[in-house]
């Protein structure tokens, strides 16, 4: 029996007046959450997380259809059609990311098979993300996120809540934690353990991983992790290119997509070579599945930035949606003598108290530098593109001023 059959029922969708901006915000936030949940489901071999991916994928299908209907109703003449065409591309791209996340979840739900070496490598590539159900007797129950101040106290952030069939993708300071909420927590292992136990009343038990050393497999695993990081970076840069109407950033998205394609080709070769030394080659099937789905995410980034590359004016509704989504994208110029001037940026994180993550730097004489694998030092005159919470973005802007 298909384990997804009962999770994503087909329901009729009728046109109803909705705010395109609000739908785009929800689609962007949903797509980002889907990527996090899907890879975490694989890491923890967690069917509950994988089923949440399927729930969200069904929600995304609904949002995509509503967005298409609203955009069709909004096009009244050829000029409208030209300006709205890139918006349709962004809608389609979010749908592609959703489908790719669903394919990743199938690795768990359909027991496609994945070597332990993959699970051993992913913890170095992503923050810990867990799912827990809030118990009535929890000290957090009935309190707002502002009251419990989790992020400041533990470094753990509530990135989403599911309350029945309703999703809160952007829980803010005034959001109240309620009994039976399904909470999605992201943060460092030590903080996660404490918060998870406080919310659910049970101890968080991370998976025990015993990896078998197979040289070609190790290279394949390193490559798929690198592909994942580059694909997520491509999506971030694509939204940044739209927000700042930057052709330079859009071109970098294309460069990343080409690199991911090349990595996938080498990855498939190494995986096939590793099969010769594996006790059970069938367990490598999930790696191929992951590689294909990850490459789709980088392809989707091209769809987001296509309008910028074609020199079509960014529609205001898209810019507003990016500005108001869950993790916002910020652009700052480093002033001489500011806190950021001369500060190291290690794996995207500045050596400051801020929780913003730098994804790209534009230097006056060097153009765009992508931050992630390489460590850089911020200098006066640098333009930094970073993402994080709205509060962190405001603090980050202050750090850039002298």
Protein backbone atom coordinates (compact mmCIF):
# COMPACT_ATOMS: atom_id res chain seq x y z
CA UNK A 1 0.00 0.00 0.00
CA UNK A 2 1.28 3.48 -0.85
CA UNK A 3 2.13 5.17 2.49
CA UNK A 4 1.29 8.55 0.96
CA UNK A 5 -2.17 7.62 -0.27
CA UNK A 6 -4.05 8.71 2.85
CA UNK A 7 -1.95 11.83 3.44
CA UNK A 8 -2.67 13.92 0.34
CA UNK A 9 -6.29 13.46 -0.72
CA UNK A 10 -7.43 15.14 -3.93
CA UNK A 11 -10.02 17.83 -3.16
CA UNK A 12 -11.88 20.18 -5.53
CA UNK A 13 -10.50 23.72 -5.62
CA UNK A 14 -12.76 26.63 -6.52
CA UNK A 15 -11.69 30.20 -7.21
CA UNK A 16 -11.99 32.54 -4.29
CA UNK A 17 -10.63 36.08 -3.94
CA UNK A 18 -7.30 35.91 -2.11
CA UNK A 19 -4.34 38.21 -1.65
CA UNK A 20 -1.63 37.15 -4.10
CA UNK A 21 0.95 38.65 -1.77
CA UNK A 22 -0.26 36.54 1.18
CA UNK A 23 -0.27 33.38 -0.95
CA UNK A 24 3.26 34.07 -2.19
CA UNK A 25 4.45 34.65 1.38
CA UNK A 26 2.96 31.34 2.50
CA UNK A 27 4.37 29.52 -0.52
CA UNK A 28 7.90 30.85 0.12
CA UNK A 29 7.75 29.99 3.84
CA UNK A 30 6.26 26.57 3.09
CA UNK A 31 8.94 25.74 0.52
CA UNK A 32 11.74 26.61 2.94
CA UNK A 33 10.16 24.58 5.74
CA UNK A 34 9.64 21.63 3.38
CA UNK A 35 13.36 21.45 2.57
CA UNK A 36 14.25 21.49 6.27
CA UNK A 37 11.68 18.85 7.21
CA UNK A 38 12.53 16.55 4.30
CA UNK A 39 16.26 16.33 4.99
CA UNK A 40 15.66 16.06 8.73
CA UNK A 41 13.25 13.17 8.12
CA UNK A 42 16.01 11.37 6.22
CA UNK A 43 18.61 12.14 8.88
CA UNK A 44 16.51 10.86 11.76
CA UNK A 45 14.81 8.12 9.75
CA UNK A 46 11.67 9.75 11.13
CA UNK A 47 8.36 8.79 9.53
CA UNK A 48 6.45 11.42 11.52
CA UNK A 49 8.55 14.20 10.01
CA UNK A 50 8.22 12.64 6.56
CA UNK A 51 4.42 12.57 6.89
CA UNK A 52 4.46 16.26 7.85
CA UNK A 53 6.27 16.86 4.55
CA UNK A 54 3.42 15.13 2.73
CA UNK A 55 0.85 17.25 4.60
CA UNK A 56 2.68 20.42 3.61
CA UNK A 57 3.12 19.23 0.03
CA UNK A 58 -0.67 18.86 -0.25
CA UNK A 59 -1.07 22.35 1.21
CA UNK A 60 1.38 23.71 -1.36
CA UNK A 61 -0.62 22.16 -4.21
CA UNK A 62 -3.65 24.09 -2.98
CA UNK A 63 -1.70 27.34 -2.66
CA UNK A 64 -0.20 26.94 -6.12
CA UNK A 65 -3.59 26.50 -7.74
CA UNK A 66 -5.08 29.48 -5.89
CA UNK A 67 -2.13 31.66 -6.89
CA UNK A 68 -2.51 30.68 -10.55
CA UNK A 69 -6.23 31.47 -10.49
CA UNK A 70 -5.68 34.88 -8.89
CA UNK A 71 -2.90 35.80 -11.31
CA UNK A 72 -5.05 34.85 -14.30
CA UNK A 73 -7.84 37.06 -12.99
CA UNK A 74 -5.38 39.95 -12.53
CA UNK A 75 -4.10 39.98 -16.14
CA UNK A 76 -6.27 42.46 -18.03
CA UNK A 77 -3.99 43.42 -20.91
CA UNK A 78 -0.64 42.46 -22.53
CA UNK A 79 1.35 44.69 -20.16
CA UNK A 80 -0.21 42.95 -17.15
CA UNK A 81 0.55 39.56 -18.68
CA UNK A 82 4.22 40.51 -19.20
CA UNK A 83 4.68 41.69 -15.61
CA UNK A 84 2.81 38.76 -14.11
CA UNK A 85 4.56 36.05 -16.16
CA UNK A 86 7.64 35.99 -13.84
CA UNK A 87 5.29 35.76 -10.86
CA UNK A 88 3.83 32.59 -12.36
CA UNK A 89 7.40 31.34 -12.67
CA UNK A 90 7.96 31.92 -8.95
CA UNK A 91 4.72 30.09 -8.14
CA UNK A 92 5.77 27.14 -10.30
CA UNK A 93 9.24 27.09 -8.72
CA UNK A 94 7.78 26.86 -5.21
CA UNK A 95 5.70 23.94 -6.44
CA UNK A 96 8.81 22.22 -7.85
CA UNK A 97 10.60 22.60 -4.52
CA UNK A 98 7.57 21.12 -2.78
CA UNK A 99 7.52 18.12 -5.13
CA UNK A 100 11.26 17.58 -4.61
CA UNK A 101 10.81 17.63 -0.83
CA UNK A 102 8.02 15.07 -1.20
CA UNK A 103 10.36 12.83 -3.18
CA UNK A 104 12.97 13.11 -0.42
CA UNK A 105 10.31 12.14 2.17
CA UNK A 106 9.57 9.01 0.13
CA UNK A 107 13.07 7.76 0.92
CA UNK A 108 11.75 7.28 4.46
CA UNK A 109 8.08 6.50 3.87
CA UNK A 110 8.68 3.96 1.12
CA UNK A 111 11.83 2.57 2.75
CA UNK A 112 13.78 3.16 -0.46
CA UNK A 113 17.05 2.64 1.37
CA UNK A 114 19.89 4.90 2.41
CA UNK A 115 23.37 4.02 3.67
CA UNK A 116 24.29 4.93 7.23
CA UNK A 117 27.18 7.01 5.86
CA UNK A 118 24.61 9.51 4.60
CA UNK A 119 23.10 9.94 8.04
CA UNK A 120 26.56 10.30 9.52
CA UNK A 121 27.34 13.19 7.17
CA UNK A 122 24.12 15.22 7.32
CA UNK A 123 24.46 16.38 10.97
CA UNK A 124 27.48 18.43 9.90
CA UNK A 125 25.43 20.05 7.15
CA UNK A 126 22.20 21.07 8.86
CA UNK A 127 20.99 22.32 12.22
CA UNK A 128 19.03 19.86 14.31
CA UNK A 129 15.29 19.98 13.57
CA UNK A 130 12.79 18.00 15.62
CA UNK A 131 9.03 17.56 15.81
CA UNK A 132 7.21 17.25 19.13
CA UNK A 133 3.65 17.40 20.46
CA UNK A 134 3.11 19.88 23.29
CA UNK A 135 1.66 18.25 26.42
CA UNK A 136 -0.91 20.09 28.58
CA UNK A 137 1.36 20.03 31.65
CA UNK A 138 4.28 21.66 29.82
CA UNK A 139 5.57 24.90 31.34
CA UNK A 140 5.34 26.38 27.84
CA UNK A 141 1.61 25.66 27.41
CA UNK A 142 -0.51 28.81 27.46
CA UNK A 143 2.48 31.15 27.14
CA UNK A 144 3.56 33.30 24.22
CA UNK A 145 6.91 32.90 22.49
CA UNK A 146 7.81 36.30 23.89
CA UNK A 147 7.12 35.09 27.45
CA UNK A 148 9.21 31.93 27.18
CA UNK A 149 11.98 33.69 25.20
CA UNK A 150 13.33 30.41 23.80
CA UNK A 151 15.68 31.80 21.17
CA UNK A 152 17.57 34.04 23.60
CA UNK A 153 17.64 31.50 26.43
CA UNK A 154 18.46 28.30 24.52
CA UNK A 155 19.26 29.20 20.89
CA UNK A 156 16.24 27.12 19.83
CA UNK A 157 13.64 28.62 17.53
CA UNK A 158 10.05 27.49 16.98
CA UNK A 159 10.02 27.60 13.17
CA UNK A 160 6.43 26.37 12.76
CA UNK A 161 3.40 25.07 14.61
CA UNK A 162 0.66 22.80 13.32
CA UNK A 163 -2.66 23.09 15.12
CA UNK A 164 -4.92 20.41 13.70
CA UNK A 165 -4.96 21.09 9.96
CA UNK A 166 -3.84 24.72 10.34
CA UNK A 167 -0.20 25.72 9.96
CA UNK A 168 1.46 28.68 11.68
CA UNK A 169 4.51 29.12 9.47
CA UNK A 170 5.61 32.41 10.95
CA UNK A 171 5.06 32.22 14.72
CA UNK A 172 5.84 35.61 16.21
CA UNK A 173 6.39 36.93 19.74
CA UNK A 174 2.65 37.05 20.46
CA UNK A 175 1.99 33.47 19.27
CA UNK A 176 0.74 31.31 22.14
CA UNK A 177 1.86 27.70 22.56
CA UNK A 178 -1.20 25.50 23.10
CA UNK A 179 -1.61 21.92 24.30
CA UNK A 180 -1.52 19.36 21.46
CA UNK A 181 0.28 21.77 19.13
CA UNK A 182 2.75 19.99 16.85
CA UNK A 183 5.88 22.10 17.29
CA UNK A 184 8.87 22.17 14.94
CA UNK A 185 12.06 23.22 16.72
CA UNK A 186 15.43 24.09 15.20
CA UNK A 187 18.68 24.82 17.00
CA UNK A 188 21.81 23.39 18.68
CA UNK A 189 21.69 19.86 20.08
CA UNK A 190 22.02 20.88 23.74
CA UNK A 191 19.23 23.45 23.52
CA UNK A 192 17.01 21.12 21.49
CA UNK A 193 17.24 18.39 24.13
CA UNK A 194 16.17 20.78 26.89
CA UNK A 195 13.30 22.42 24.99
CA UNK A 196 12.00 19.15 23.50
CA UNK A 197 11.75 17.55 26.95
CA UNK A 198 10.11 20.68 28.37
CA UNK A 199 7.46 20.73 25.63
CA UNK A 200 6.72 17.01 25.20
CA UNK A 201 7.58 15.55 28.61
CA UNK A 202 9.80 12.95 26.93
CA UNK A 203 13.56 12.79 26.33
CA UNK A 204 14.81 13.52 22.83
CA UNK A 205 16.76 10.54 21.53
CA UNK A 206 18.84 11.31 18.43
CA UNK A 207 19.58 8.39 16.09
CA UNK A 208 22.62 6.22 16.72
CA UNK A 209 24.63 5.99 13.51
CA UNK A 210 27.22 3.38 12.60
CA UNK A 211 28.75 4.24 9.25
CA UNK A 212 30.66 1.69 7.16
CA UNK A 213 33.77 3.17 5.46
CA UNK A 214 33.47 2.78 1.68
CA UNK A 215 35.77 5.26 -0.14
CA UNK A 216 33.60 5.92 -3.19
CA UNK A 217 30.51 6.12 -1.01
CA UNK A 218 32.15 8.69 1.24
CA UNK A 219 32.85 10.88 -1.80
CA UNK A 220 29.28 10.45 -3.01
CA UNK A 221 27.90 11.43 0.40
CA UNK A 222 30.13 14.52 0.59
CA UNK A 223 28.93 15.50 -2.87
CA UNK A 224 25.22 15.17 -2.10
CA UNK A 225 25.65 17.30 1.04
CA UNK A 226 27.47 19.91 -1.06
CA UNK A 227 24.69 19.77 -3.67
CA UNK A 228 22.09 20.35 -0.95
CA UNK A 229 23.95 23.38 0.38
CA UNK A 230 24.42 24.87 -3.11
CA UNK A 231 20.75 24.29 -4.01
CA UNK A 232 19.53 26.06 -0.88
CA UNK A 233 21.99 28.88 -1.56
CA UNK A 234 20.63 29.15 -5.11
CA UNK A 235 17.07 29.54 -3.80
CA UNK A 236 18.18 32.22 -1.31
CA UNK A 237 20.07 34.11 -4.01
CA UNK A 238 17.13 33.81 -6.40
CA UNK A 239 14.78 35.47 -3.92
CA UNK A 240 17.50 38.06 -3.21
CA UNK A 241 17.80 38.84 -6.92
CA UNK A 242 14.06 39.47 -7.06
CA UNK A 243 13.99 41.57 -3.90
CA UNK A 244 16.90 43.79 -4.99
CA UNK A 245 16.26 43.51 -8.77
CA UNK A 246 19.87 42.37 -9.15
CA UNK A 247 20.92 40.81 -12.44
CA UNK A 248 24.29 39.98 -10.87
CA UNK A 249 22.68 37.80 -8.22
CA UNK A 250 20.42 36.18 -10.82
CA UNK A 251 23.48 35.27 -12.88
CA UNK A 252 25.05 33.66 -9.81
CA UNK A 253 21.92 31.51 -9.49
CA UNK A 254 22.56 30.23 -13.01
CA UNK A 255 26.19 29.53 -12.18
CA UNK A 256 25.16 27.53 -9.11
CA UNK A 257 22.65 25.51 -11.12
CA UNK A 258 25.38 24.56 -13.63
CA UNK A 259 27.66 23.53 -10.76
CA UNK A 260 24.95 21.39 -9.16
CA UNK A 261 24.33 19.65 -12.51
CA UNK A 262 28.03 18.82 -12.79
CA UNK A 263 28.12 17.57 -9.20
CA UNK A 264 25.13 15.31 -9.81
CA UNK A 265 26.90 13.69 -12.76
CA UNK A 266 30.00 12.92 -10.67
CA UNK A 267 27.82 11.88 -7.74
CA UNK A 268 26.00 9.26 -9.79
CA UNK A 269 29.31 7.83 -11.02
CA UNK A 270 30.73 7.54 -7.49
CA UNK A 271 27.52 5.97 -6.20
CA UNK A 272 27.64 3.31 -8.90
CA UNK A 273 31.32 2.65 -8.12
CA UNK A 274 30.48 2.33 -4.42
CA UNK A 275 27.83 -0.28 -5.24
CA UNK A 276 30.59 -2.73 -6.16
CA UNK A 277 31.91 -2.67 -2.57
CA UNK A 278 28.60 -2.41 -0.71
CA UNK A 279 27.20 -5.49 1.05
CA UNK A 280 23.72 -4.57 -0.17
CA UNK A 281 23.83 -2.26 -3.24
CA UNK A 282 20.05 -1.74 -3.01
CA UNK A 283 20.62 0.44 0.07
CA UNK A 284 22.26 3.00 -2.23
CA UNK A 285 19.04 3.55 -4.17
CA UNK A 286 18.01 6.30 -1.79
CA UNK A 287 21.18 8.24 -2.58
CA UNK A 288 20.25 8.37 -6.28
CA UNK A 289 16.77 9.49 -5.24
CA UNK A 290 18.22 12.27 -3.07
CA UNK A 291 20.57 13.44 -5.81
CA UNK A 292 17.78 13.78 -8.33
CA UNK A 293 15.48 15.65 -5.92
CA UNK A 294 18.26 17.99 -4.82
CA UNK A 295 19.05 18.90 -8.43
CA UNK A 296 15.37 19.80 -8.97
CA UNK A 297 15.63 22.37 -6.16
CA UNK A 298 18.51 24.16 -7.92
CA UNK A 299 16.51 24.09 -11.19
CA UNK A 300 13.58 25.72 -9.38
CA UNK A 301 15.83 28.60 -8.31
CA UNK A 302 16.28 29.49 -11.99
CA UNK A 303 12.50 29.86 -12.30
CA UNK A 304 12.44 32.31 -9.40
CA UNK A 305 15.09 34.60 -10.88
CA UNK A 306 14.15 34.25 -14.56
CA UNK A 307 12.22 37.53 -14.72
CA UNK A 308 15.24 39.46 -13.46
CA UNK A 309 17.50 37.83 -16.05
CA UNK A 310 15.04 38.74 -18.80
CA UNK A 311 15.00 42.36 -17.60
CA UNK A 312 11.30 42.28 -16.75
CA UNK A 313 10.40 44.73 -14.00
CA UNK A 314 9.86 42.95 -10.69
CA UNK A 315 6.19 43.08 -9.76
CA UNK A 316 5.67 44.95 -6.45
CA UNK A 317 3.62 42.06 -5.03
CA UNK A 318 6.67 39.76 -5.24
CA UNK A 319 8.97 42.22 -3.53
CA UNK A 320 6.44 42.71 -0.72
CA UNK A 321 6.03 38.96 -0.31
CA UNK A 322 9.78 38.39 0.05
CA UNK A 323 10.09 41.29 2.51
CA UNK A 324 7.26 39.99 4.71
CA UNK A 325 8.02 36.27 4.71
CA UNK A 326 9.26 34.23 7.67
CA UNK A 327 13.02 34.46 7.17
CA UNK A 328 13.58 37.86 5.58
CA UNK A 329 16.48 38.85 3.33
CA UNK A 330 18.46 41.93 4.27
CA UNK A 331 20.98 44.05 2.33
CA UNK A 332 23.50 46.19 4.21
CA UNK A 333 26.60 48.15 3.26
CA UNK A 334 29.44 47.88 5.76
CA UNK A 335 30.59 51.33 6.92
CA UNK A 336 34.19 52.01 7.92
CA UNK A 337 34.63 51.71 11.68
CA UNK A 338 31.38 49.75 12.14
CA UNK A 339 31.17 46.54 14.19
CA UNK A 340 31.12 44.45 10.99
CA UNK A 341 34.18 46.16 9.50
CA UNK A 342 37.03 43.63 9.79
CA UNK A 343 34.86 40.89 11.33
CA UNK A 344 35.34 37.29 10.20
CA UNK A 345 32.45 35.47 8.52
CA UNK A 346 32.84 31.77 9.24
CA UNK A 347 30.65 29.44 7.16
CA UNK A 348 28.24 32.32 6.61
CA UNK A 349 27.97 33.36 10.27
CA UNK A 350 29.56 36.72 11.25
CA UNK A 351 31.74 36.78 14.38
CA UNK A 352 29.17 38.87 16.26
CA UNK A 353 26.12 38.33 18.48
CA UNK A 354 23.75 38.49 15.51
CA UNK A 355 21.90 35.39 14.29
CA UNK A 356 21.82 36.57 10.67
CA UNK A 357 23.47 34.33 8.08
CA UNK A 358 25.43 36.00 5.26
CA UNK A 359 24.78 34.35 1.89
CA UNK A 360 26.64 36.68 -0.48
CA UNK A 361 29.08 39.61 -0.51
CA UNK A 362 29.55 42.18 -3.27
CA UNK A 363 32.99 43.78 -3.23
CA UNK A 364 33.62 47.00 -5.17
CA UNK A 365 36.52 45.46 -7.13
CA UNK A 366 35.60 41.76 -7.15
CA UNK A 367 31.88 41.54 -7.80
CA UNK A 368 29.77 38.89 -6.04
CA UNK A 369 31.32 36.33 -3.68
CA UNK A 370 29.16 33.45 -2.47
CA UNK A 371 29.53 32.73 1.23
CA UNK A 372 29.08 29.21 2.57
CA UNK A 373 31.99 26.88 2.24
CA UNK A 374 34.57 29.71 2.11
CA UNK A 375 35.39 31.95 5.07
CA UNK A 376 35.60 35.68 4.45
CA UNK A 377 36.22 38.90 6.36
CA UNK A 378 33.78 41.79 6.00
CA UNK A 379 35.39 45.09 5.00
CA UNK A 380 34.22 48.66 4.63
CA UNK A 381 32.39 49.10 1.34
CA UNK A 382 31.21 45.47 1.17
CA UNK A 383 27.54 44.93 0.44
CA UNK A 384 26.28 41.92 2.44
CA UNK A 385 23.16 39.92 1.60
CA UNK A 386 21.97 38.02 4.66
CA UNK A 387 18.89 36.21 5.90
CA UNK A 388 17.33 35.70 9.31
CA UNK A 389 14.49 36.87 11.52
CA UNK A 390 13.12 40.41 11.34
CA UNK A 391 14.55 41.23 14.78
CA UNK A 392 17.99 39.89 13.83
CA UNK A 393 17.88 41.88 10.57
CA UNK A 394 17.35 45.14 12.45
CA UNK A 395 20.29 44.35 14.74
CA UNK A 396 22.42 43.40 11.73
CA UNK A 397 21.75 46.75 10.07
CA UNK A 398 22.91 48.52 13.24
CA UNK A 399 26.15 46.50 13.24
CA UNK A 400 26.92 47.74 9.71
CA UNK A 401 26.69 51.40 10.72
CA UNK A 402 29.65 53.32 12.17
